[in-house]
Protein backbone atom coordinates (compact mmCIF):
# COMPACT_ATOMS: atom_id res chain seq x y z
CA MET A 1 11.40 0.78 32.05
CA GLU A 2 9.43 3.77 33.12
CA LEU A 3 6.04 4.61 31.55
CA THR A 4 4.34 7.65 31.64
CA THR A 5 0.64 7.29 32.97
CA THR A 6 -2.07 9.66 31.36
CA ASN A 7 -5.82 9.73 31.19
CA ARG A 8 -5.15 7.37 27.99
CA GLY A 9 -3.11 5.00 30.17
CA PHE A 10 0.43 3.87 29.98
CA ALA A 11 2.48 5.47 27.23
CA PRO A 12 6.29 4.49 26.22
CA GLN A 13 8.22 7.69 25.83
CA THR A 14 11.47 6.46 24.07
CA MET A 15 12.28 3.83 21.53
CA THR A 16 13.60 1.64 24.32
CA GLU A 17 10.63 1.77 26.30
CA ALA A 18 8.56 1.14 23.07
CA ILE A 19 10.33 -1.69 22.39
CA GLN A 20 10.23 -3.10 26.20
CA PHE A 21 6.70 -2.45 26.19
CA SER A 22 5.98 -4.47 22.79
CA ASP A 23 7.62 -7.38 24.27
CA MET A 24 5.83 -7.50 27.72
CA LEU A 25 2.63 -7.29 25.68
CA ALA A 26 3.49 -9.84 23.04
CA SER A 27 3.88 -12.62 25.80
CA SER A 28 0.51 -11.60 27.41
CA SER A 29 -2.58 -13.51 26.49
CA MET A 30 -4.75 -10.09 26.74
CA VAL A 31 -3.98 -8.94 23.57
CA PRO A 32 -5.56 -10.27 20.44
CA LYS A 33 -3.98 -13.23 19.10
CA ALA A 34 -2.70 -11.72 15.99
CA TYR A 35 0.01 -10.05 18.02
CA GLN A 36 0.52 -12.70 20.55
CA GLY A 37 4.65 -13.38 20.29
CA LYS A 38 4.87 -10.73 17.82
CA PRO A 39 6.48 -7.65 19.23
CA GLN A 40 7.49 -6.00 16.20
CA ASP A 41 4.09 -6.11 15.07
CA ILE A 42 3.00 -4.66 18.33
CA LEU A 43 5.46 -1.82 17.93
CA VAL A 44 4.35 -0.83 14.34
CA CYS A 45 0.50 -0.98 15.64
CA VAL A 46 1.19 1.35 18.80
CA GLN A 47 2.98 3.70 16.16
CA TRP A 48 0.26 3.65 13.96
CA GLY A 49 -2.41 4.36 17.01
CA TYR A 50 0.00 6.88 18.34
CA GLU A 51 -0.60 8.70 15.10
CA MET A 52 -4.02 8.40 14.66
CA GLY A 53 -4.64 9.51 18.25
CA LEU A 54 -5.41 6.03 19.91
CA ALA A 55 -3.57 4.78 22.91
CA PRO A 56 -1.77 1.69 22.82
CA MET A 57 -4.14 -0.67 24.09
CA GLN A 58 -7.14 0.96 21.86
CA ALA A 59 -4.73 0.70 18.75
CA LEU A 60 -3.93 -3.20 19.65
CA GLN A 61 -7.79 -3.82 19.99
CA ASN A 62 -8.88 -1.87 16.67
CA ILE A 63 -5.93 -1.85 14.25
CA ALA A 64 -5.28 -5.02 12.07
CA VAL A 65 -3.45 -6.27 9.07
CA ILE A 66 -5.57 -8.19 6.97
CA ASN A 67 -4.40 -9.80 3.66
CA GLY A 68 -1.40 -7.66 3.97
CA LYS A 69 -2.82 -4.27 4.55
CA PRO A 70 -3.01 -2.23 7.95
CA SER A 71 -6.61 -1.41 8.58
CA VAL A 72 -8.79 0.00 11.35
CA TYR A 73 -12.30 -1.56 12.23
CA GLY A 74 -15.62 0.66 11.03
CA ASP A 75 -16.48 1.29 14.75
CA ALA A 76 -13.04 2.73 15.68
CA MET A 77 -12.87 4.64 12.39
CA MET A 78 -16.33 6.40 13.49
CA ALA A 79 -14.82 7.14 16.77
CA LEU A 80 -11.76 8.73 15.30
CA VAL A 81 -13.59 10.80 12.92
CA GLN A 82 -16.34 12.08 15.46
CA ALA A 83 -13.65 12.88 18.04
CA SER A 84 -11.79 15.21 15.62
CA PRO A 85 -12.67 19.09 15.69
CA VAL A 86 -12.86 19.02 11.98
CA CYS A 87 -16.07 16.79 11.98
CA GLU A 88 -19.26 18.29 11.88
CA ASP A 89 -21.68 15.51 11.93
CA VAL A 90 -21.84 11.83 10.51
CA GLU A 91 -25.23 10.52 9.11
CA GLU A 92 -26.04 7.03 8.24
CA PHE A 93 -29.45 5.40 6.75
CA PHE A 94 -30.40 2.92 4.33
CA GLU A 95 -32.70 3.97 1.24
CA GLY A 96 -35.05 1.34 -0.39
CA GLU A 97 -35.45 -0.89 2.65
CA GLY A 98 -37.76 -3.70 1.58
CA THR A 99 -36.71 -3.35 -2.24
CA PRO A 100 -34.52 -5.85 -4.17
CA ASN A 101 -31.84 -3.29 -4.41
CA PRO A 102 -31.49 -1.32 -0.84
CA VAL A 103 -28.87 0.99 -0.53
CA ALA A 104 -26.58 2.01 2.45
CA VAL A 105 -25.78 5.85 2.78
CA CYS A 106 -23.39 7.69 4.72
CA ILE A 107 -23.21 11.37 4.78
CA ALA A 108 -19.80 12.92 6.10
CA LYS A 109 -19.85 16.54 6.94
CA ARG A 110 -16.50 18.29 7.37
CA LYS A 111 -16.35 21.68 9.13
CA ASN A 112 -16.68 24.59 6.38
CA ARG A 113 -16.71 22.08 3.26
CA LYS A 114 -19.18 20.35 1.19
CA SER A 115 -20.81 17.14 2.55
CA VAL A 116 -19.04 13.97 1.25
CA VAL A 117 -22.07 11.14 0.31
CA ALA A 118 -20.92 7.48 -0.35
CA LYS A 119 -23.52 4.85 -1.12
CA PHE A 120 -22.92 0.92 -1.43
CA SER A 121 -26.21 -1.32 -2.80
CA VAL A 122 -26.75 -4.85 -3.07
CA GLU A 123 -26.04 -4.45 -6.75
CA ASP A 124 -22.68 -2.83 -5.98
CA ALA A 125 -22.03 -5.74 -3.56
CA LYS A 126 -23.03 -8.22 -6.40
CA ARG A 127 -20.73 -6.85 -8.76
CA ALA A 128 -17.78 -7.06 -6.37
CA GLY A 129 -18.75 -10.55 -5.57
CA LEU A 130 -19.31 -10.07 -2.01
CA TRP A 131 -23.25 -10.76 -2.16
CA GLY A 132 -23.69 -14.23 -0.39
CA LYS A 133 -20.01 -14.65 0.38
CA GLN A 134 -19.44 -17.00 3.23
CA GLY A 135 -18.86 -15.28 6.57
CA PRO A 136 -20.11 -11.91 7.67
CA TRP A 137 -21.61 -11.03 4.12
CA SER A 138 -23.78 -13.97 4.55
CA ALA A 139 -24.59 -13.75 8.40
CA TYR A 140 -24.82 -9.72 8.62
CA PRO A 141 -25.19 -8.47 5.31
CA LYS A 142 -26.89 -5.25 6.10
CA ARG A 143 -23.99 -4.34 8.63
CA MET A 144 -21.30 -5.00 6.08
CA MET A 145 -22.91 -2.70 3.36
CA GLN A 146 -22.93 -0.12 6.16
CA MET A 147 -19.31 -0.35 6.82
CA ARG A 148 -18.61 -0.44 3.15
CA ALA A 149 -20.61 2.86 2.42
CA ARG A 150 -19.07 4.26 5.67
CA GLY A 151 -15.50 3.46 4.78
CA PHE A 152 -15.85 5.24 1.21
CA ALA A 153 -17.39 8.41 3.01
CA LEU A 154 -14.96 8.80 5.99
CA ARG A 155 -11.75 8.17 3.70
CA ASP A 156 -12.95 11.02 1.26
CA ALA A 157 -14.02 13.27 3.75
CA PHE A 158 -11.16 12.89 6.65
CA PRO A 159 -8.06 11.48 5.17
CA ASP A 160 -6.02 13.67 7.60
CA VAL A 161 -7.70 11.81 10.40
CA LEU A 162 -7.43 8.40 9.19
CA LYS A 163 -4.05 8.57 7.92
CA GLY A 164 -4.86 6.53 4.81
CA LEU A 165 -6.13 3.52 6.69
CA ILE A 166 -8.80 1.55 5.14
CA SER A 167 -11.80 -0.26 7.14
CA ALA A 168 -10.97 -3.91 8.47
CA GLU A 169 -14.20 -4.84 6.83
CA GLU A 170 -13.39 -3.54 3.32
CA ALA A 171 -9.67 -5.24 3.64
CA ALA A 172 -11.18 -8.49 4.63
CA ASP A 173 -12.60 -8.71 1.31
CA TYR A 174 -9.59 -8.03 -0.61
CA PRO A 175 -7.59 -11.14 -2.21
CA ASP A 176 -4.83 -12.43 -0.21
CA GLU A 177 -1.87 -10.88 -1.46
CA ALA A 178 0.57 -13.31 0.53
CA LYS A 179 -0.62 -16.34 -1.23
CA PRO A 180 1.40 -17.30 -4.34
CA ARG A 181 -0.32 -17.60 -7.42
CA PRO A 182 0.02 -21.22 -8.74
CA VAL A 183 1.81 -21.84 -11.73
CA ALA A 184 2.87 -24.73 -13.32
CA LYS A 185 6.77 -25.17 -13.69
CA PRO A 186 8.88 -24.61 -15.56
CA ALA A 187 6.94 -21.47 -16.56
CA ASN A 188 8.23 -18.15 -15.27
CA PRO A 189 5.74 -16.91 -12.81
CA LEU A 190 6.19 -13.31 -14.23
CA ASP A 191 6.01 -14.32 -18.04
CA LEU A 192 2.55 -15.48 -19.42
CA VAL A 193 4.61 -16.64 -22.58
CA ALA A 194 6.90 -19.75 -23.34
CA LYS A 195 10.33 -19.06 -21.50
CA PRO A 196 12.76 -18.12 -24.35
CA GLU A 197 16.50 -19.25 -24.61
CA PRO A 198 18.37 -17.09 -21.98
CA VAL A 199 21.00 -14.81 -23.18
CA ALA A 200 24.50 -15.76 -22.14
CA ILE A 201 25.51 -12.30 -20.80
CA PRO A 202 27.82 -12.46 -17.79
CA VAL A 203 26.00 -10.80 -14.38
CA GLN A 204 27.44 -7.57 -13.26
CA THR A 205 26.07 -6.41 -10.08
CA SER A 206 26.33 -2.70 -10.44
CA ASP A 207 26.10 -2.47 -14.21
CA PRO A 208 23.72 0.48 -14.83
CA VAL A 209 22.67 -0.91 -18.50
CA ILE A 210 20.99 -4.16 -16.99
CA ILE A 211 17.61 -2.24 -16.10
CA GLU A 212 17.92 -0.38 -19.71
CA ALA A 213 18.53 -3.77 -21.69
CA ALA A 214 15.70 -5.36 -19.66
CA LEU A 215 13.09 -2.80 -20.65
CA ALA A 216 14.41 -3.06 -24.39
CA ASP A 217 13.67 -6.77 -24.46
CA THR A 218 10.29 -6.31 -22.84
CA VAL A 219 7.93 -9.23 -24.06
CA GLU A 220 5.33 -6.53 -24.85
CA PRO A 221 7.47 -3.42 -25.09
CA GLN A 222 5.77 -0.07 -23.97
CA LEU A 223 8.98 2.03 -23.62
CA GLU A 224 11.86 2.67 -25.81
CA ASP A 225 15.39 1.85 -24.82
CA PHE A 226 16.43 4.30 -21.75
CA ALA A 227 19.44 5.56 -24.28
CA THR A 228 16.76 7.07 -26.62
CA ALA A 229 13.77 7.38 -24.45
CA THR A 230 12.52 10.91 -23.82
CA VAL A 231 13.48 12.12 -20.20
CA ALA A 232 12.75 15.04 -17.91
CA THR A 233 14.90 17.98 -18.99
CA VAL A 234 15.86 20.72 -16.72
CA ALA A 235 14.94 24.32 -17.93
CA THR A 236 17.34 27.26 -17.48
CA ASP A 237 16.69 30.97 -16.98
CA GLU A 238 17.77 33.81 -19.06
CA SER A 239 21.15 33.88 -17.52
CA GLY A 240 21.50 30.05 -18.36
CA VAL A 241 21.51 29.01 -15.09
CA ALA A 242 19.81 25.73 -14.66
CA GLU A 243 16.56 25.69 -12.41
CA GLN A 244 15.62 22.66 -10.50
CA PRO A 245 12.60 20.82 -11.81
CA ILE A 246 9.50 20.73 -9.69
CA GLY A 247 8.35 17.27 -8.35
CA TYR A 248 9.90 14.20 -7.80
CA ALA A 249 12.34 12.27 -10.06
CA LEU A 250 12.10 8.72 -10.96
CA LEU A 251 15.77 7.48 -11.38
CA VAL A 252 17.66 5.22 -13.37
CA PRO A 253 21.00 3.76 -12.34
CA GLY A 254 23.86 5.30 -14.05
CA LYS A 255 21.46 8.10 -15.64
CA GLU A 256 22.15 11.79 -14.47
CA GLU A 257 18.94 12.79 -16.11
CA ALA A 258 15.70 11.59 -14.32
CA PHE A 259 13.74 9.40 -16.37
CA SER A 260 10.51 11.18 -15.85
CA ILE A 261 9.16 13.82 -12.93
CA HIS A 262 6.07 13.84 -11.35
CA GLU A 263 3.91 16.16 -9.44
CA ASP A 264 3.32 14.34 -6.50
CA LEU A 265 4.48 11.16 -4.46
CA ASP A 266 1.26 9.05 -5.63
CA GLN A 267 2.16 9.55 -9.13
CA TRP A 268 5.64 8.72 -8.46
CA ALA A 269 4.92 5.55 -6.73
CA ASP A 270 2.59 4.43 -9.45
CA ALA A 271 5.26 4.85 -11.98
CA TYR A 272 7.86 3.65 -10.13
CA GLU A 273 5.86 0.22 -9.82
CA ASP A 274 5.27 0.30 -13.30
CA LEU A 275 8.67 0.66 -14.18
CA ALA A 276 9.51 -2.29 -11.68
CA ASP A 277 7.14 -4.58 -12.98
CA LYS A 278 8.24 -4.04 -16.63
CA THR A 279 11.70 -4.69 -15.41
CA ALA A 280 10.84 -8.17 -13.70
CA ARG A 281 8.95 -9.30 -17.04
CA ALA A 282 11.67 -8.72 -19.37
CA GLY A 283 11.33 -12.12 -20.49
CA LYS A 284 14.30 -12.24 -23.07
CA ARG A 285 16.84 -11.37 -20.16
CA PRO A 286 17.94 -14.23 -17.56
CA ALA A 287 15.99 -14.04 -14.16
CA ARG A 288 19.35 -13.43 -12.36
CA GLU A 289 19.77 -10.14 -14.52
CA ARG A 290 16.36 -9.22 -13.76
CA MET A 291 16.60 -9.72 -10.12
CA THR A 292 19.96 -7.60 -10.03
CA ALA A 293 18.16 -4.83 -12.12
CA LEU A 294 14.96 -4.75 -9.66
CA LYS A 295 17.64 -4.34 -6.55
CA GLU A 296 19.77 -1.50 -8.82
CA LEU A 297 16.25 0.55 -9.53
CA ARG A 298 15.14 0.24 -5.95
CA LEU A 299 18.54 1.45 -4.68
CA ALA A 300 18.60 4.44 -7.15
CA ASN A 301 15.17 5.55 -5.85
CA GLU A 302 15.39 4.73 -1.96
CA ASP A 303 15.51 8.13 -0.77
CA THR A 304 12.13 8.85 -2.60
CA ILE A 305 10.84 5.58 -1.35
CA GLY A 306 11.16 6.78 2.09
CA ARG A 307 9.18 9.89 1.64
CA ILE A 308 5.92 7.96 0.49
CA ASP A 309 3.28 7.27 3.21
CA MET A 310 3.64 4.08 5.32
CA VAL A 311 0.82 1.97 3.54
CA LYS A 312 2.23 2.58 0.14
CA ARG A 313 5.85 1.88 1.53
CA ILE A 314 4.49 -1.36 3.00
CA ARG A 315 2.88 -2.48 -0.38
CA HIS A 316 6.07 -1.44 -2.56
CA THR A 317 8.13 -3.75 -0.03
CA ALA A 318 5.73 -6.64 -0.53
CA SER A 319 5.64 -6.23 -4.50
CA TYR A 320 9.20 -6.09 -4.39
CA SER A 321 9.82 -9.22 -2.27
CA GLN A 322 7.22 -10.96 -4.55
CA ARG A 323 8.89 -10.06 -7.71
CA ILE A 324 12.31 -11.21 -6.32
CA LYS A 325 10.98 -14.42 -4.96
CA ALA A 326 9.08 -15.26 -8.26
CA LEU A 327 12.31 -14.74 -10.36
CA GLY A 328 14.18 -16.84 -7.78
CA ALA A 329 11.58 -19.57 -8.57
CA SER A 330 12.18 -19.02 -12.07
CA GLN A 331 15.88 -20.16 -11.97
CA GLY A 332 14.92 -23.42 -10.41
């Protein structure tokens, strides 16, 4: 393996080199414990660092996956922003020190833009259930307030620099999505009502009406049957030639028309998750049919899923896996 040496250290130039590089680092005790023995995680971390401007070893020291969320430590976040040519200044201070409700303030100034001001007070921490929480919030409350205000300001002012990553300090305060919610069997983990009698309908793995029927039988129906639902129509010009709709289409298996059209990928991703959740919670359908419906829905929209940013894609994959796992458990 050949590695190019730059003023930022060794840098793999091809995918093969990156894989070999990750294998070597995974067996080293000099990398953080979270990455030891995990070459795949190292490879993803190094790629994140490359996109953000961090050398491989800097990325391993400053990027962490906490509670299922990729994040960057607050000090590295500040370093990345201050190194960016679009940054004019970042100012941090506290208001009301010595009072019962001091406030951490961060002012992020981007060149040729209005300053972004973010504040985080003791009252904010109490509302979020953070004040007095065991760990850093008890040992270093002032520092944690500073990191929370910093994260909000820098993410709003410099989203292009931070590539959508949140601060590790903030991610550590989120609930662990990887831990399954405790439920008492035989209740369906996806239903909060008594399990109805299953409908004896044979499973057809490629039948496009499974999702349609699942939505029609949702415990709390919020959408009509796909057969009668309002779908995005395609406009025509004066000559009668169809014009392509502008936006991102949410597709349903077996339907030529889009179920809905969204202006941006964030709106599309939210609509997709909402549709997938309703499909998974269609309590009057057997769990196996709902599993098939989720797989068909994901397959129909895989092109658009591949376009959303990596953080949302990771969250989507985690949500999909959790729904499939919960439905599988409900069959037992």
